[in-house]
Amino acid sequence: MGDQRWRVLPLGARAAWLELCDLADALPHIRAPASARVATIEEIARLLAADIADITPAVTALVAIGVMETYRDGYRLRAY
């Protein structure tokens, strides 16, 4: 990955970033949430087939470096 932020991410966050980029092609609300639909941590965990306890630190790391951002009651992918 050519993005400089890639090197500082834990492996779980790297995997989540890649998977979310792929999912965002089919589920545009991951990139551009609608007023009626945002990607919650529960939905992200379900889509990635992961436990919430495992995906929460990955999403937190992605938010910390600006790959994702909080949006209403969920998250939005900013870098893809």
N, C-alpha and C. Protein backbone atom coordinates (compact mmCIF):
# COMPACT_ATOMS: atom_id res chain seq x y z
N MET A 1 0.86 -1.17 0.00
CA MET A 1 0.00 0.00 0.00
C MET A 1 0.90 1.23 0.00
N GLY A 2 0.61 2.16 -0.86
CA GLY A 2 1.44 3.34 -0.99
C GLY A 2 1.16 4.43 0.03
N ASP A 3 0.08 4.34 0.74
CA ASP A 3 -0.28 5.34 1.74
C ASP A 3 0.68 5.26 2.92
N GLN A 4 1.23 6.39 3.33
CA GLN A 4 2.20 6.43 4.42
C GLN A 4 1.63 5.93 5.74
N ARG A 5 0.32 6.05 5.92
CA ARG A 5 -0.31 5.62 7.17
C ARG A 5 -0.29 4.11 7.31
N TRP A 6 -0.11 3.39 6.23
CA TRP A 6 -0.14 1.94 6.24
C TRP A 6 0.90 1.35 7.18
N ARG A 7 2.09 1.94 7.21
CA ARG A 7 3.20 1.38 7.99
C ARG A 7 2.98 1.43 9.48
N VAL A 8 2.19 2.36 9.97
CA VAL A 8 2.02 2.50 11.42
C VAL A 8 0.81 1.74 11.95
N LEU A 9 0.08 1.08 11.08
CA LEU A 9 -1.14 0.38 11.51
C LEU A 9 -0.86 -1.03 12.01
N PRO A 10 -1.59 -1.47 13.03
CA PRO A 10 -1.52 -2.87 13.44
C PRO A 10 -2.11 -3.75 12.33
N LEU A 11 -1.77 -5.02 12.32
CA LEU A 11 -2.25 -5.92 11.27
C LEU A 11 -3.76 -5.99 11.17
N GLY A 12 -4.44 -5.99 12.30
CA GLY A 12 -5.91 -6.05 12.29
C GLY A 12 -6.52 -4.84 11.60
N ALA A 13 -5.94 -3.68 11.82
CA ALA A 13 -6.43 -2.46 11.19
C ALA A 13 -6.14 -2.47 9.69
N ARG A 14 -5.00 -3.02 9.31
CA ARG A 14 -4.67 -3.14 7.89
C ARG A 14 -5.69 -4.02 7.18
N ALA A 15 -5.98 -5.16 7.79
CA ALA A 15 -6.95 -6.09 7.20
C ALA A 15 -8.33 -5.45 7.11
N ALA A 16 -8.73 -4.75 8.16
CA ALA A 16 -10.04 -4.09 8.15
C ALA A 16 -10.10 -3.03 7.05
N TRP A 17 -9.04 -2.26 6.90
CA TRP A 17 -9.00 -1.21 5.87
C TRP A 17 -9.18 -1.83 4.47
N LEU A 18 -8.44 -2.88 4.18
CA LEU A 18 -8.55 -3.54 2.88
C LEU A 18 -9.95 -4.09 2.64
N GLU A 19 -10.49 -4.75 3.63
CA GLU A 19 -11.83 -5.34 3.49
C GLU A 19 -12.90 -4.27 3.34
N LEU A 20 -12.78 -3.19 4.11
CA LEU A 20 -13.76 -2.11 4.02
C LEU A 20 -13.71 -1.42 2.66
N CYS A 21 -12.54 -1.31 2.09
CA CYS A 21 -12.42 -0.72 0.74
C CYS A 21 -13.15 -1.59 -0.27
N ASP A 22 -13.00 -2.90 -0.16
CA ASP A 22 -13.70 -3.81 -1.06
C ASP A 22 -15.21 -3.75 -0.84
N LEU A 23 -15.62 -3.74 0.41
CA LEU A 23 -17.05 -3.69 0.73
C LEU A 23 -17.70 -2.38 0.29
N ALA A 24 -16.95 -1.30 0.34
CA ALA A 24 -17.50 0.01 -0.01
C ALA A 24 -17.92 0.08 -1.48
N ASP A 25 -17.35 -0.77 -2.32
CA ASP A 25 -17.78 -0.80 -3.72
C ASP A 25 -19.22 -1.30 -3.83
N ALA A 26 -19.58 -2.25 -3.00
CA ALA A 26 -20.94 -2.80 -3.03
C ALA A 26 -21.89 -2.10 -2.07
N LEU A 27 -21.35 -1.50 -1.02
CA LEU A 27 -22.17 -0.84 0.01
C LEU A 27 -21.72 0.61 0.14
N PRO A 28 -22.22 1.49 -0.70
CA PRO A 28 -21.73 2.87 -0.72
C PRO A 28 -21.91 3.64 0.58
N HIS A 29 -22.79 3.19 1.46
CA HIS A 29 -22.97 3.92 2.73
C HIS A 29 -21.74 3.82 3.63
N ILE A 30 -20.82 2.93 3.29
CA ILE A 30 -19.58 2.84 4.07
C ILE A 30 -18.70 4.06 3.77
N ARG A 31 -18.76 4.55 2.53
CA ARG A 31 -17.99 5.75 2.15
C ARG A 31 -18.80 7.02 2.34
N ALA A 32 -20.03 6.98 1.89
CA ALA A 32 -20.88 8.17 1.91
C ALA A 32 -22.21 7.82 2.57
N PRO A 33 -22.25 7.90 3.90
CA PRO A 33 -23.48 7.53 4.61
C PRO A 33 -24.67 8.39 4.20
N ALA A 34 -25.80 7.75 4.14
CA ALA A 34 -27.06 8.46 3.90
C ALA A 34 -27.64 8.84 5.25
N SER A 35 -28.60 9.72 5.21
CA SER A 35 -29.21 10.15 6.48
C SER A 35 -29.88 8.98 7.20
N ALA A 36 -30.30 7.98 6.46
CA ALA A 36 -31.00 6.85 7.07
C ALA A 36 -30.08 5.67 7.37
N ARG A 37 -28.85 5.68 6.84
CA ARG A 37 -28.00 4.51 7.03
C ARG A 37 -26.54 4.90 7.19
N VAL A 38 -25.97 4.47 8.30
CA VAL A 38 -24.53 4.64 8.55
C VAL A 38 -23.96 3.28 8.95
N ALA A 39 -22.68 3.12 8.78
CA ALA A 39 -22.02 1.87 9.15
C ALA A 39 -21.68 1.90 10.64
N THR A 40 -22.38 1.13 11.42
CA THR A 40 -22.11 1.04 12.85
C THR A 40 -21.00 0.02 13.10
N ILE A 41 -20.45 0.05 14.29
CA ILE A 41 -19.40 -0.92 14.63
C ILE A 41 -19.95 -2.34 14.56
N GLU A 42 -21.20 -2.52 14.92
CA GLU A 42 -21.83 -3.85 14.85
C GLU A 42 -21.92 -4.32 13.40
N GLU A 43 -22.31 -3.42 12.50
CA GLU A 43 -22.41 -3.80 11.09
C GLU A 43 -21.03 -4.08 10.50
N ILE A 44 -20.06 -3.27 10.85
CA ILE A 44 -18.70 -3.49 10.36
C ILE A 44 -18.19 -4.85 10.82
N ALA A 45 -18.41 -5.18 12.07
CA ALA A 45 -17.98 -6.49 12.59
C ALA A 45 -18.71 -7.61 11.86
N ARG A 46 -19.99 -7.45 11.62
CA ARG A 46 -20.75 -8.48 10.90
C ARG A 46 -20.24 -8.64 9.47
N LEU A 47 -20.02 -7.53 8.78
CA LEU A 47 -19.55 -7.58 7.40
C LEU A 47 -18.16 -8.20 7.27
N LEU A 48 -17.33 -7.96 8.27
CA LEU A 48 -15.98 -8.51 8.26
C LEU A 48 -15.90 -9.88 8.92
N ALA A 49 -17.04 -10.40 9.37
CA ALA A 49 -17.11 -11.69 10.06
C ALA A 49 -16.13 -11.73 11.23
N ALA A 50 -16.18 -10.67 12.04
CA ALA A 50 -15.27 -10.56 13.19
C ALA A 50 -16.08 -10.28 14.45
N ASP A 51 -15.48 -10.53 15.58
CA ASP A 51 -16.09 -10.18 16.85
C ASP A 51 -15.95 -8.67 17.06
N ILE A 52 -16.93 -8.08 17.70
CA ILE A 52 -16.89 -6.64 17.98
C ILE A 52 -15.65 -6.31 18.82
N ALA A 53 -15.32 -7.18 19.75
CA ALA A 53 -14.14 -6.93 20.60
C ALA A 53 -12.85 -6.92 19.79
N ASP A 54 -12.81 -7.64 18.68
CA ASP A 54 -11.62 -7.68 17.84
C ASP A 54 -11.57 -6.51 16.85
N ILE A 55 -12.72 -6.09 16.37
CA ILE A 55 -12.76 -5.06 15.34
C ILE A 55 -12.71 -3.65 15.93
N THR A 56 -13.15 -3.48 17.16
CA THR A 56 -13.16 -2.15 17.78
C THR A 56 -11.77 -1.51 17.83
N PRO A 57 -10.71 -2.23 18.26
CA PRO A 57 -9.38 -1.59 18.24
C PRO A 57 -8.90 -1.24 16.83
N ALA A 58 -9.28 -2.06 15.85
CA ALA A 58 -8.89 -1.78 14.46
C ALA A 58 -9.56 -0.51 13.97
N VAL A 59 -10.85 -0.37 14.23
CA VAL A 59 -11.58 0.84 13.81
C VAL A 59 -11.04 2.06 14.57
N THR A 60 -10.74 1.89 15.83
CA THR A 60 -10.17 2.99 16.62
C THR A 60 -8.85 3.45 16.02
N ALA A 61 -8.00 2.51 15.60
CA ALA A 61 -6.72 2.87 14.98
C ALA A 61 -6.95 3.57 13.65
N LEU A 62 -7.92 3.12 12.87
CA LEU A 62 -8.22 3.75 11.58
C LEU A 62 -8.76 5.17 11.76
N VAL A 63 -9.56 5.37 12.79
CA VAL A 63 -10.07 6.72 13.09
C VAL A 63 -8.92 7.62 13.55
N ALA A 64 -8.02 7.08 14.36
CA ALA A 64 -6.92 7.87 14.91
C ALA A 64 -6.00 8.43 13.82
N ILE A 65 -5.83 7.70 12.73
CA ILE A 65 -4.93 8.19 11.68
C ILE A 65 -5.67 8.81 10.50
N GLY A 66 -7.00 8.91 10.59
CA GLY A 66 -7.76 9.62 9.57
C GLY A 66 -8.23 8.79 8.40
N VAL A 67 -8.12 7.48 8.47
CA VAL A 67 -8.64 6.63 7.40
C VAL A 67 -10.15 6.54 7.50
N MET A 68 -10.67 6.51 8.72
CA MET A 68 -12.11 6.52 8.97
C MET A 68 -12.42 7.72 9.85
N GLU A 69 -13.68 8.08 9.88
CA GLU A 69 -14.12 9.13 10.79
C GLU A 69 -15.48 8.77 11.35
N THR A 70 -15.76 9.30 12.52
CA THR A 70 -17.08 9.08 13.10
C THR A 70 -18.08 9.93 12.33
N TYR A 71 -19.26 9.38 12.17
CA TYR A 71 -20.32 10.07 11.46
C TYR A 71 -21.63 9.67 12.12
N ARG A 72 -22.28 10.64 12.74
CA ARG A 72 -23.51 10.39 13.50
C ARG A 72 -23.27 9.28 14.51
N ASP A 73 -24.01 8.18 14.38
CA ASP A 73 -23.86 7.07 15.33
C ASP A 73 -23.01 5.93 14.76
N GLY A 74 -22.21 6.23 13.74
CA GLY A 74 -21.42 5.19 13.11
C GLY A 74 -20.10 5.72 12.59
N TYR A 75 -19.66 5.14 11.49
CA TYR A 75 -18.36 5.47 10.92
C TYR A 75 -18.46 5.62 9.42
N ARG A 76 -17.48 6.33 8.86
CA ARG A 76 -17.39 6.55 7.43
C ARG A 76 -15.94 6.34 7.01
N LEU A 77 -15.75 5.65 5.89
CA LEU A 77 -14.42 5.42 5.35
C LEU A 77 -14.01 6.66 4.57
N ARG A 78 -12.90 7.28 4.96
CA ARG A 78 -12.42 8.50 4.29
C ARG A 78 -11.37 8.20 3.24
N ALA A 79 -10.54 7.19 3.44
CA ALA A 79 -9.46 6.86 2.51
C ALA A 79 -9.72 5.48 1.92
N TYR A 80 -9.77 5.43 0.62
CA TYR A 80 -10.02 4.14 -0.05
C TYR A 80 -9.33 4.10 -1.40
